[in-house]
Amino acid sequence: MRLFYLDESGFSPSLPTGYSWCLPGERKRVKYEYPQGRRVNALATYEPAARSRDAVPFERTLTSDDLLAYLRERLPAAGVPRVVVLDNAGIHTSKVVKAARPGLAKLGIFLYYLPAYSPELNRIEPVFKQVQHHDMPTRSFTTRADLRKAVEDGFDAYRRRLRVKGDNESRLAA
């Protein structure tokens, strides 16, 4: 069995400011930019056993059809069942996804839903946090293309770090 954690995350043109400074007695003001129509959403999986992750950015709102296409096309083929752990987001539990589950089972893809309100059980959440708060050093973007490039670069930096970390660990002998 291969285990994957799947979720999606949105990236705004103005990312949260983790910290800042100003002179004593002054008040720091951070300009808010309305993100309407400028967000980039990423659909991603994380496979802890292989220390790998895959992410696809979209410059639009994600749908259940996007999720199903991702599951069919982007999950690596395997001779063993692939279990995908999901939260209970609307696109994960829609009628379209429920109707597609038998077809996915024939492909060896099985969906496992986490209990409601338990994001701490989805191991991809720390990946999103790392990418949003640490692997994207620029906090504000003027164009959606720049934001998409930064999201892609952030996920690539995280993937490279996972690979290096995995290479240093001992492995089981055959």
N, C-alpha and C. Protein backbone atom coordinates (compact mmCIF):
# COMPACT_ATOMS: atom_id res chain seq x y z
N MET A 1 0.83 -1.17 0.00
CA MET A 1 0.00 0.00 0.00
C MET A 1 0.89 1.25 0.00
N ARG A 2 0.48 2.23 -0.79
CA ARG A 2 1.15 3.53 -0.80
C ARG A 2 0.18 4.55 -0.23
N LEU A 3 0.67 5.36 0.70
CA LEU A 3 -0.16 6.32 1.41
C LEU A 3 0.17 7.74 0.95
N PHE A 4 -0.86 8.48 0.59
CA PHE A 4 -0.72 9.87 0.15
C PHE A 4 -1.64 10.74 0.98
N TYR A 5 -1.18 11.92 1.32
CA TYR A 5 -2.01 12.94 1.95
C TYR A 5 -2.27 14.00 0.91
N LEU A 6 -3.54 14.39 0.73
CA LEU A 6 -3.91 15.34 -0.31
C LEU A 6 -4.70 16.49 0.30
N ASP A 7 -4.44 17.68 -0.18
CA ASP A 7 -5.23 18.85 0.21
C ASP A 7 -4.92 19.97 -0.77
N GLU A 8 -5.64 21.05 -0.62
CA GLU A 8 -5.38 22.22 -1.44
C GLU A 8 -5.19 23.42 -0.52
N SER A 9 -4.48 24.40 -1.04
CA SER A 9 -4.21 25.61 -0.27
C SER A 9 -4.24 26.79 -1.22
N GLY A 10 -4.67 27.92 -0.69
CA GLY A 10 -4.71 29.14 -1.49
C GLY A 10 -3.58 30.08 -1.11
N PHE A 11 -3.05 30.77 -2.10
CA PHE A 11 -1.97 31.71 -1.90
C PHE A 11 -2.45 33.07 -2.40
N SER A 12 -2.40 34.07 -1.52
CA SER A 12 -2.84 35.42 -1.86
C SER A 12 -1.66 36.25 -2.34
N PRO A 13 -1.95 37.32 -3.09
CA PRO A 13 -0.85 38.17 -3.56
C PRO A 13 -0.11 38.86 -2.41
N SER A 14 -0.78 39.05 -1.28
CA SER A 14 -0.13 39.58 -0.08
C SER A 14 -0.19 38.50 0.97
N LEU A 15 0.93 37.86 1.23
CA LEU A 15 0.98 36.78 2.19
C LEU A 15 1.04 37.35 3.60
N PRO A 16 0.65 36.57 4.61
CA PRO A 16 0.67 37.09 5.98
C PRO A 16 2.06 37.56 6.39
N THR A 17 2.09 38.67 7.11
CA THR A 17 3.35 39.19 7.62
C THR A 17 3.63 38.50 8.94
N GLY A 18 4.70 37.73 9.00
CA GLY A 18 5.04 36.99 10.21
C GLY A 18 5.53 37.89 11.33
N TYR A 19 6.30 38.90 10.95
CA TYR A 19 6.80 39.85 11.95
C TYR A 19 7.25 41.11 11.24
N SER A 20 7.40 42.16 11.98
CA SER A 20 7.87 43.42 11.44
C SER A 20 8.43 44.24 12.60
N TRP A 21 8.88 45.42 12.31
CA TRP A 21 9.40 46.28 13.37
C TRP A 21 9.12 47.73 13.00
N CYS A 22 9.14 48.56 14.01
CA CYS A 22 9.03 49.99 13.80
C CYS A 22 9.67 50.68 15.00
N LEU A 23 9.84 51.95 14.91
CA LEU A 23 10.44 52.71 15.99
C LEU A 23 9.52 52.71 17.21
N PRO A 24 10.09 52.77 18.41
CA PRO A 24 9.26 52.82 19.61
C PRO A 24 8.29 54.00 19.57
N GLY A 25 7.06 53.73 19.96
CA GLY A 25 6.04 54.77 19.97
C GLY A 25 5.31 54.94 18.65
N GLU A 26 5.79 54.30 17.59
CA GLU A 26 5.11 54.37 16.29
C GLU A 26 4.31 53.10 16.08
N ARG A 27 3.30 53.21 15.24
CA ARG A 27 2.46 52.06 14.95
C ARG A 27 2.73 51.59 13.52
N LYS A 28 3.00 50.31 13.37
CA LYS A 28 3.28 49.74 12.04
C LYS A 28 1.97 49.49 11.32
N ARG A 29 1.86 49.97 10.12
CA ARG A 29 0.67 49.72 9.30
C ARG A 29 1.10 48.93 8.07
N VAL A 30 0.38 47.85 7.81
CA VAL A 30 0.64 47.01 6.65
C VAL A 30 -0.54 47.16 5.70
N LYS A 31 -0.26 47.58 4.49
CA LYS A 31 -1.32 47.80 3.50
C LYS A 31 -1.95 46.47 3.10
N TYR A 32 -3.27 46.42 3.07
CA TYR A 32 -3.99 45.22 2.66
C TYR A 32 -4.36 45.34 1.19
N GLU A 33 -4.06 44.30 0.45
CA GLU A 33 -4.43 44.26 -0.97
C GLU A 33 -5.54 43.25 -1.15
N TYR A 34 -6.64 43.66 -1.74
CA TYR A 34 -7.77 42.79 -1.96
C TYR A 34 -7.37 41.70 -2.96
N PRO A 35 -7.47 40.41 -2.58
CA PRO A 35 -6.95 39.34 -3.44
C PRO A 35 -7.90 38.86 -4.52
N GLN A 36 -9.08 39.45 -4.63
CA GLN A 36 -10.09 38.96 -5.57
C GLN A 36 -9.52 38.82 -6.98
N GLY A 37 -9.61 37.62 -7.52
CA GLY A 37 -9.17 37.35 -8.88
C GLY A 37 -7.67 37.23 -9.05
N ARG A 38 -6.91 37.29 -7.95
CA ARG A 38 -5.46 37.23 -8.08
C ARG A 38 -4.85 36.09 -7.26
N ARG A 39 -5.68 35.23 -6.68
CA ARG A 39 -5.17 34.11 -5.88
C ARG A 39 -4.65 32.99 -6.78
N VAL A 40 -3.74 32.23 -6.23
CA VAL A 40 -3.26 31.00 -6.86
C VAL A 40 -3.56 29.87 -5.88
N ASN A 41 -4.26 28.86 -6.34
CA ASN A 41 -4.59 27.70 -5.50
C ASN A 41 -3.72 26.53 -5.93
N ALA A 42 -3.26 25.76 -4.96
CA ALA A 42 -2.42 24.60 -5.26
C ALA A 42 -3.09 23.34 -4.73
N LEU A 43 -3.11 22.32 -5.56
CA LEU A 43 -3.58 20.98 -5.18
C LEU A 43 -2.33 20.13 -5.06
N ALA A 44 -2.13 19.52 -3.89
CA ALA A 44 -0.87 18.85 -3.65
C ALA A 44 -1.05 17.54 -2.90
N THR A 45 -0.10 16.62 -3.11
CA THR A 45 -0.04 15.37 -2.35
C THR A 45 1.33 15.26 -1.71
N TYR A 46 1.34 14.54 -0.61
CA TYR A 46 2.58 14.27 0.12
C TYR A 46 2.60 12.79 0.44
N GLU A 47 3.69 12.11 0.07
CA GLU A 47 3.87 10.69 0.35
C GLU A 47 5.02 10.54 1.34
N PRO A 48 4.72 10.35 2.63
CA PRO A 48 5.78 10.32 3.64
C PRO A 48 6.79 9.19 3.44
N ALA A 49 6.34 8.01 3.03
CA ALA A 49 7.26 6.88 2.89
C ALA A 49 8.33 7.13 1.84
N ALA A 50 7.96 7.80 0.77
CA ALA A 50 8.91 8.07 -0.31
C ALA A 50 9.53 9.46 -0.16
N ARG A 51 9.12 10.20 0.86
CA ARG A 51 9.59 11.57 1.05
C ARG A 51 9.45 12.37 -0.24
N SER A 52 8.25 12.30 -0.81
CA SER A 52 8.02 13.03 -2.05
C SER A 52 6.71 13.81 -1.95
N ARG A 53 6.62 14.81 -2.76
CA ARG A 53 5.40 15.60 -2.82
C ARG A 53 5.23 16.06 -4.26
N ASP A 54 3.98 16.33 -4.60
CA ASP A 54 3.65 16.81 -5.93
C ASP A 54 2.63 17.93 -5.75
N ALA A 55 2.79 19.01 -6.46
CA ALA A 55 1.85 20.13 -6.35
C ALA A 55 1.58 20.71 -7.73
N VAL A 56 0.32 21.06 -7.96
CA VAL A 56 -0.08 21.68 -9.21
C VAL A 56 -0.79 22.99 -8.89
N PRO A 57 -0.26 24.13 -9.33
CA PRO A 57 -0.93 25.41 -9.08
C PRO A 57 -2.02 25.68 -10.12
N PHE A 58 -3.09 26.31 -9.68
CA PHE A 58 -4.20 26.70 -10.55
C PHE A 58 -4.45 28.18 -10.31
N GLU A 59 -4.74 28.91 -11.37
CA GLU A 59 -5.05 30.33 -11.23
C GLU A 59 -6.55 30.55 -11.25
N ARG A 60 -7.27 29.62 -10.61
CA ARG A 60 -8.73 29.71 -10.51
C ARG A 60 -9.18 28.86 -9.34
N THR A 61 -10.46 28.91 -9.07
CA THR A 61 -11.03 28.11 -7.99
C THR A 61 -11.02 26.65 -8.40
N LEU A 62 -10.66 25.77 -7.48
CA LEU A 62 -10.60 24.34 -7.76
C LEU A 62 -11.99 23.72 -7.70
N THR A 63 -12.19 22.68 -8.51
CA THR A 63 -13.47 21.96 -8.54
C THR A 63 -13.22 20.47 -8.30
N SER A 64 -14.29 19.74 -8.12
CA SER A 64 -14.19 18.29 -7.93
C SER A 64 -13.61 17.63 -9.18
N ASP A 65 -13.89 18.17 -10.35
CA ASP A 65 -13.32 17.62 -11.58
C ASP A 65 -11.79 17.77 -11.59
N ASP A 66 -11.29 18.88 -11.06
CA ASP A 66 -9.83 19.06 -10.93
C ASP A 66 -9.24 18.00 -10.02
N LEU A 67 -9.92 17.74 -8.91
CA LEU A 67 -9.46 16.73 -7.97
C LEU A 67 -9.41 15.36 -8.63
N LEU A 68 -10.46 14.98 -9.34
CA LEU A 68 -10.50 13.67 -9.98
C LEU A 68 -9.44 13.56 -11.08
N ALA A 69 -9.26 14.62 -11.85
CA ALA A 69 -8.22 14.59 -12.89
C ALA A 69 -6.85 14.44 -12.24
N TYR A 70 -6.62 15.13 -11.14
CA TYR A 70 -5.34 15.02 -10.43
C TYR A 70 -5.12 13.58 -9.95
N LEU A 71 -6.13 12.99 -9.34
CA LEU A 71 -6.00 11.63 -8.83
C LEU A 71 -5.70 10.63 -9.95
N ARG A 72 -6.36 10.79 -11.08
CA ARG A 72 -6.18 9.84 -12.19
C ARG A 72 -4.85 10.03 -12.91
N GLU A 73 -4.42 11.28 -13.04
CA GLU A 73 -3.26 11.57 -13.87
C GLU A 73 -1.96 11.78 -13.11
N ARG A 74 -2.01 12.28 -11.89
CA ARG A 74 -0.79 12.68 -11.20
C ARG A 74 -0.31 11.70 -10.14
N LEU A 75 -1.18 10.82 -9.63
CA LEU A 75 -0.70 9.83 -8.66
C LEU A 75 0.15 8.82 -9.39
N PRO A 76 1.32 8.49 -8.86
CA PRO A 76 2.18 7.54 -9.56
C PRO A 76 1.53 6.16 -9.63
N ALA A 77 1.66 5.54 -10.78
CA ALA A 77 1.11 4.19 -10.96
C ALA A 77 1.84 3.22 -10.04
N ALA A 78 1.09 2.26 -9.53
CA ALA A 78 1.69 1.30 -8.60
C ALA A 78 0.93 -0.02 -8.70
N GLY A 79 1.62 -1.10 -8.40
CA GLY A 79 0.98 -2.41 -8.39
C GLY A 79 0.27 -2.70 -7.08
N VAL A 80 0.34 -1.75 -6.17
CA VAL A 80 -0.31 -1.89 -4.86
C VAL A 80 -1.38 -0.80 -4.73
N PRO A 81 -2.32 -0.97 -3.82
CA PRO A 81 -3.35 0.06 -3.64
C PRO A 81 -2.73 1.39 -3.20
N ARG A 82 -3.32 2.46 -3.69
CA ARG A 82 -2.91 3.81 -3.29
C ARG A 82 -4.04 4.40 -2.45
N VAL A 83 -3.73 4.70 -1.21
CA VAL A 83 -4.72 5.26 -0.29
C VAL A 83 -4.46 6.75 -0.18
N VAL A 84 -5.49 7.55 -0.44
CA VAL A 84 -5.37 9.00 -0.40
C VAL A 84 -6.17 9.51 0.79
N VAL A 85 -5.48 10.19 1.70
CA VAL A 85 -6.11 10.74 2.90
C VAL A 85 -6.55 12.17 2.60
N LEU A 86 -7.83 12.45 2.85
CA LEU A 86 -8.42 13.75 2.54
C LEU A 86 -9.16 14.31 3.75
N ASP A 87 -9.35 15.62 3.76
CA ASP A 87 -10.24 16.19 4.76
C ASP A 87 -11.66 16.20 4.17
N ASN A 88 -12.58 16.83 4.82
CA ASN A 88 -13.98 16.80 4.39
C ASN A 88 -14.39 18.07 3.65
N ALA A 89 -13.48 18.64 2.89
CA ALA A 89 -13.79 19.83 2.09
C ALA A 89 -14.87 19.48 1.06
N GLY A 90 -15.60 20.48 0.66
CA GLY A 90 -16.71 20.28 -0.27
C GLY A 90 -16.31 19.60 -1.57
N ILE A 91 -15.15 19.96 -2.13
CA ILE A 91 -14.76 19.33 -3.39
C ILE A 91 -14.35 17.88 -3.19
N HIS A 92 -14.00 17.50 -1.96
CA HIS A 92 -13.62 16.10 -1.68
C HIS A 92 -14.84 15.21 -1.46
N THR A 93 -15.94 15.78 -1.01
CA THR A 93 -17.12 14.98 -0.65
C THR A 93 -18.30 15.23 -1.57
N SER A 94 -18.07 15.85 -2.70
CA SER A 94 -19.17 16.20 -3.60
C SER A 94 -19.79 14.96 -4.24
N LYS A 95 -20.95 15.15 -4.85
CA LYS A 95 -21.63 14.06 -5.56
C LYS A 95 -20.77 13.52 -6.70
N VAL A 96 -20.02 14.40 -7.34
CA VAL A 96 -19.16 13.99 -8.45
C VAL A 96 -18.09 13.03 -7.96
N VAL A 97 -17.47 13.34 -6.83
CA VAL A 97 -16.42 12.48 -6.28
C VAL A 97 -17.02 11.17 -5.78
N LYS A 98 -18.16 11.24 -5.11
CA LYS A 98 -18.82 10.01 -4.63
C LYS A 98 -19.15 9.09 -5.79
N ALA A 99 -19.62 9.65 -6.90
CA ALA A 99 -19.95 8.83 -8.07
C ALA A 99 -18.70 8.25 -8.72
N ALA A 100 -17.57 8.92 -8.59
CA ALA A 100 -16.34 8.46 -9.23
C ALA A 100 -15.56 7.45 -8.38
N ARG A 101 -15.93 7.26 -7.12
CA ARG A 101 -15.16 6.37 -6.24
C ARG A 101 -15.06 4.93 -6.74
N PRO A 102 -16.13 4.32 -7.29
CA PRO A 102 -15.96 2.96 -7.81
C PRO A 102 -14.95 2.89 -8.96
N GLY A 103 -14.96 3.88 -9.84
CA GLY A 103 -13.98 3.93 -10.92
C GLY A 103 -12.57 4.11 -10.42
N LEU A 104 -12.42 4.93 -9.39
CA LEU A 104 -11.10 5.12 -8.79
C LEU A 104 -10.62 3.82 -8.14
N ALA A 105 -11.54 3.10 -7.50
CA ALA A 105 -11.17 1.83 -6.87
C ALA A 105 -10.67 0.82 -7.90
N LYS A 106 -11.25 0.85 -9.09
CA LYS A 106 -10.77 -0.05 -10.15
C LYS A 106 -9.35 0.31 -10.58
N LEU A 107 -8.98 1.59 -10.42
CA LEU A 107 -7.62 2.03 -10.74
C LEU A 107 -6.66 1.80 -9.56
N GLY A 108 -7.21 1.33 -8.43
CA GLY A 108 -6.38 1.09 -7.25
C GLY A 108 -6.21 2.31 -6.38
N ILE A 109 -7.12 3.29 -6.52
CA ILE A 109 -7.07 4.51 -5.72
C ILE A 109 -8.24 4.50 -4.76
N PHE A 110 -7.93 4.55 -3.47
CA PHE A 110 -8.96 4.50 -2.44
C PHE A 110 -8.89 5.78 -1.61
N LEU A 111 -10.06 6.39 -1.37
CA LEU A 111 -10.12 7.63 -0.61
C LEU A 111 -10.47 7.34 0.84
N TYR A 112 -9.71 7.96 1.75
CA TYR A 112 -9.95 7.82 3.19
C TYR A 112 -10.15 9.21 3.75
N TYR A 113 -11.31 9.44 4.38
CA TYR A 113 -11.63 10.76 4.90
C TYR A 113 -11.29 10.85 6.38
N LEU A 114 -10.64 11.94 6.75
CA LEU A 114 -10.30 12.21 8.14
C LEU A 114 -11.55 12.65 8.90
N PRO A 115 -11.54 12.53 10.22
CA PRO A 115 -12.66 13.06 11.00
C PRO A 115 -12.78 14.57 10.79
N ALA A 116 -13.98 15.08 10.96
CA ALA A 116 -14.20 16.52 10.79
C ALA A 116 -13.37 17.32 11.79
N TYR A 117 -12.91 18.47 11.35
CA TYR A 117 -12.16 19.42 12.18
C TYR A 117 -10.90 18.80 12.78
N SER A 118 -10.14 18.10 11.97
CA SER A 118 -8.89 17.51 12.45
C SER A 118 -7.75 17.73 11.46
N PRO A 119 -7.43 18.99 11.14
CA PRO A 119 -6.35 19.23 10.19
C PRO A 119 -4.99 18.75 10.68
N GLU A 120 -4.85 18.58 12.00
CA GLU A 120 -3.56 18.11 12.54
C GLU A 120 -3.25 16.68 12.11
N LEU A 121 -4.26 15.94 11.64
CA LEU A 121 -4.04 14.56 11.19
C LEU A 121 -3.60 14.49 9.73
N ASN A 122 -3.75 15.57 8.99
CA ASN A 122 -3.36 15.58 7.59
C ASN A 122 -1.92 16.06 7.50
N ARG A 123 -1.02 15.18 7.14
CA ARG A 123 0.42 15.47 7.18
C ARG A 123 0.89 16.40 6.07
N ILE A 124 -0.02 16.83 5.21
CA ILE A 124 0.39 17.80 4.20
C ILE A 124 0.25 19.23 4.71
N GLU A 125 -0.49 19.44 5.78
CA GLU A 125 -0.66 20.79 6.33
C GLU A 125 0.67 21.44 6.70
N PRO A 126 1.62 20.74 7.35
CA PRO A 126 2.92 21.36 7.62
C PRO A 126 3.69 21.72 6.34
N VAL A 127 3.45 20.98 5.26
CA VAL A 127 4.10 21.30 3.98
C VAL A 127 3.61 22.67 3.51
N PHE A 128 2.28 22.88 3.54
CA PHE A 128 1.74 24.18 3.13
C PHE A 128 2.27 25.30 4.02
N LYS A 129 2.33 25.05 5.32
CA LYS A 129 2.84 26.08 6.23
C LYS A 129 4.29 26.43 5.91
N GLN A 130 5.11 25.42 5.66
CA GLN A 130 6.52 25.65 5.34
C GLN A 130 6.65 26.46 4.06
N VAL A 131 5.90 26.08 3.04
CA VAL A 131 5.99 26.79 1.76
C VAL A 131 5.51 28.23 1.91
N GLN A 132 4.35 28.44 2.56
CA GLN A 132 3.79 29.78 2.66
C GLN A 132 4.63 30.71 3.53
N HIS A 133 5.17 30.20 4.63
CA HIS A 133 5.82 31.08 5.59
C HIS A 133 7.35 31.12 5.48
N HIS A 134 7.95 30.12 4.82
CA HIS A 134 9.42 30.08 4.81
C HIS A 134 10.03 29.97 3.42
N ASP A 135 9.39 29.24 2.51
CA ASP A 135 9.98 29.01 1.20
C ASP A 135 9.57 30.05 0.16
N MET A 136 8.74 31.00 0.56
CA MET A 136 8.37 32.12 -0.31
C MET A 136 8.81 33.41 0.39
N PRO A 137 10.09 33.80 0.25
CA PRO A 137 10.59 34.94 1.01
C PRO A 137 9.93 36.27 0.64
N THR A 138 9.48 36.42 -0.59
CA THR A 138 8.78 37.65 -0.99
C THR A 138 7.35 37.56 -0.46
N ARG A 139 6.87 38.60 0.17
CA ARG A 139 5.56 38.57 0.81
C ARG A 139 4.47 39.25 0.00
N SER A 140 4.80 39.94 -1.07
CA SER A 140 3.80 40.65 -1.85
C SER A 140 4.13 40.55 -3.33
N PHE A 141 3.10 40.33 -4.14
CA PHE A 141 3.28 40.13 -5.58
C PHE A 141 2.31 41.03 -6.33
N THR A 142 2.79 41.64 -7.41
CA THR A 142 1.94 42.55 -8.17
C THR A 142 1.15 41.84 -9.26
N THR A 143 1.63 40.71 -9.76
CA THR A 143 0.91 39.99 -10.80
C THR A 143 0.67 38.54 -10.37
N ARG A 144 -0.35 37.95 -10.93
CA ARG A 144 -0.66 36.55 -10.63
C ARG A 144 0.43 35.63 -11.18
N ALA A 145 1.04 35.99 -12.29
CA ALA A 145 2.12 35.18 -12.85
C ALA A 145 3.32 35.12 -11.89
N ASP A 146 3.63 36.27 -11.27
CA ASP A 146 4.73 36.28 -10.28
C ASP A 146 4.39 35.42 -9.07
N LEU A 147 3.14 35.50 -8.63
CA LEU A 147 2.71 34.69 -7.49
C LEU A 147 2.77 33.21 -7.83
N ARG A 148 2.30 32.85 -9.02
CA ARG A 148 2.33 31.43 -9.43
C ARG A 148 3.77 30.92 -9.48
N LYS A 149 4.67 31.71 -10.03
CA LYS A 149 6.09 31.32 -10.10
C LYS A 149 6.66 31.14 -8.70
N ALA A 150 6.31 32.04 -7.77
CA ALA A 150 6.80 31.93 -6.40
C ALA A 150 6.25 30.67 -5.72
N VAL A 151 4.98 30.33 -5.98
CA VAL A 151 4.39 29.11 -5.42
C VAL A 151 5.12 27.89 -5.96
N GLU A 152 5.34 27.84 -7.27
CA GLU A 152 6.06 26.72 -7.86
C GLU A 152 7.47 26.61 -7.29
N ASP A 153 8.17 27.73 -7.18
CA ASP A 153 9.53 27.72 -6.63
C ASP A 153 9.53 27.28 -5.17
N GLY A 154 8.54 27.71 -4.40
CA GLY A 154 8.45 27.33 -3.00
C GLY A 154 8.26 25.82 -2.84
N PHE A 155 7.39 25.24 -3.64
CA PHE A 155 7.19 23.79 -3.57
C PHE A 155 8.43 23.03 -4.05
N ASP A 156 9.11 23.57 -5.07
CA ASP A 156 10.35 22.92 -5.54
C ASP A 156 11.44 22.97 -4.47
N ALA A 157 11.55 24.09 -3.78
CA ALA A 157 12.55 24.19 -2.70
C ALA A 157 12.25 23.17 -1.61
N TYR A 158 10.97 23.02 -1.27
CA TYR A 158 10.60 22.05 -0.24
C TYR A 158 10.90 20.63 -0.72
N ARG A 159 10.62 20.34 -1.98
CA ARG A 159 10.88 19.00 -2.54
C ARG A 159 12.37 18.68 -2.50
N ARG A 160 13.20 19.65 -2.88
CA ARG A 160 14.66 19.42 -2.85
C ARG A 160 15.14 19.16 -1.43
N ARG A 161 14.63 19.90 -0.47
CA ARG A 161 15.02 19.71 0.92
C ARG A 161 14.59 18.34 1.43
N LEU A 162 13.41 17.88 1.02
CA LEU A 162 12.96 16.54 1.40
C LEU A 162 13.89 15.48 0.84
N ARG A 163 14.28 15.64 -0.41
CA ARG A 163 15.13 14.65 -1.06
C ARG A 163 16.50 14.58 -0.38
N VAL A 164 17.09 15.72 -0.06
CA VAL A 164 18.39 15.76 0.62
C VAL A 164 18.27 15.13 2.00
N LYS A 165 17.22 15.46 2.72
CA LYS A 165 17.01 14.90 4.06
C LYS A 165 16.87 13.38 3.98
N GLY A 166 16.15 12.88 2.98
CA GLY A 166 15.97 11.44 2.82
C GLY A 166 17.24 10.73 2.41
N ASP A 167 18.12 11.40 1.68
CA ASP A 167 19.36 10.78 1.24
C ASP A 167 20.33 10.54 2.40
N ASN A 168 20.24 11.34 3.45
CA ASN A 168 21.15 11.23 4.58
C ASN A 168 20.74 10.16 5.58
N GLU A 169 19.53 9.65 5.47
CA GLU A 169 19.06 8.67 6.43
C GLU A 169 19.41 7.25 5.97
N SER A 170 19.63 6.38 6.93
CA SER A 170 19.93 4.99 6.57
C SER A 170 18.66 4.32 6.05
N ARG A 171 18.86 3.32 5.19
CA ARG A 171 17.73 2.62 4.58
C ARG A 171 17.78 1.15 4.95
N LEU A 172 16.63 0.53 4.84
CA LEU A 172 16.56 -0.91 5.12
C LEU A 172 17.30 -1.69 4.06
N ALA A 173 17.97 -2.74 4.48
CA ALA A 173 18.66 -3.62 3.51
C ALA A 173 17.64 -4.52 2.84
N ALA A 174 17.97 -4.96 1.64
CA ALA A 174 17.06 -5.81 0.88
C ALA A 174 16.92 -7.19 1.46
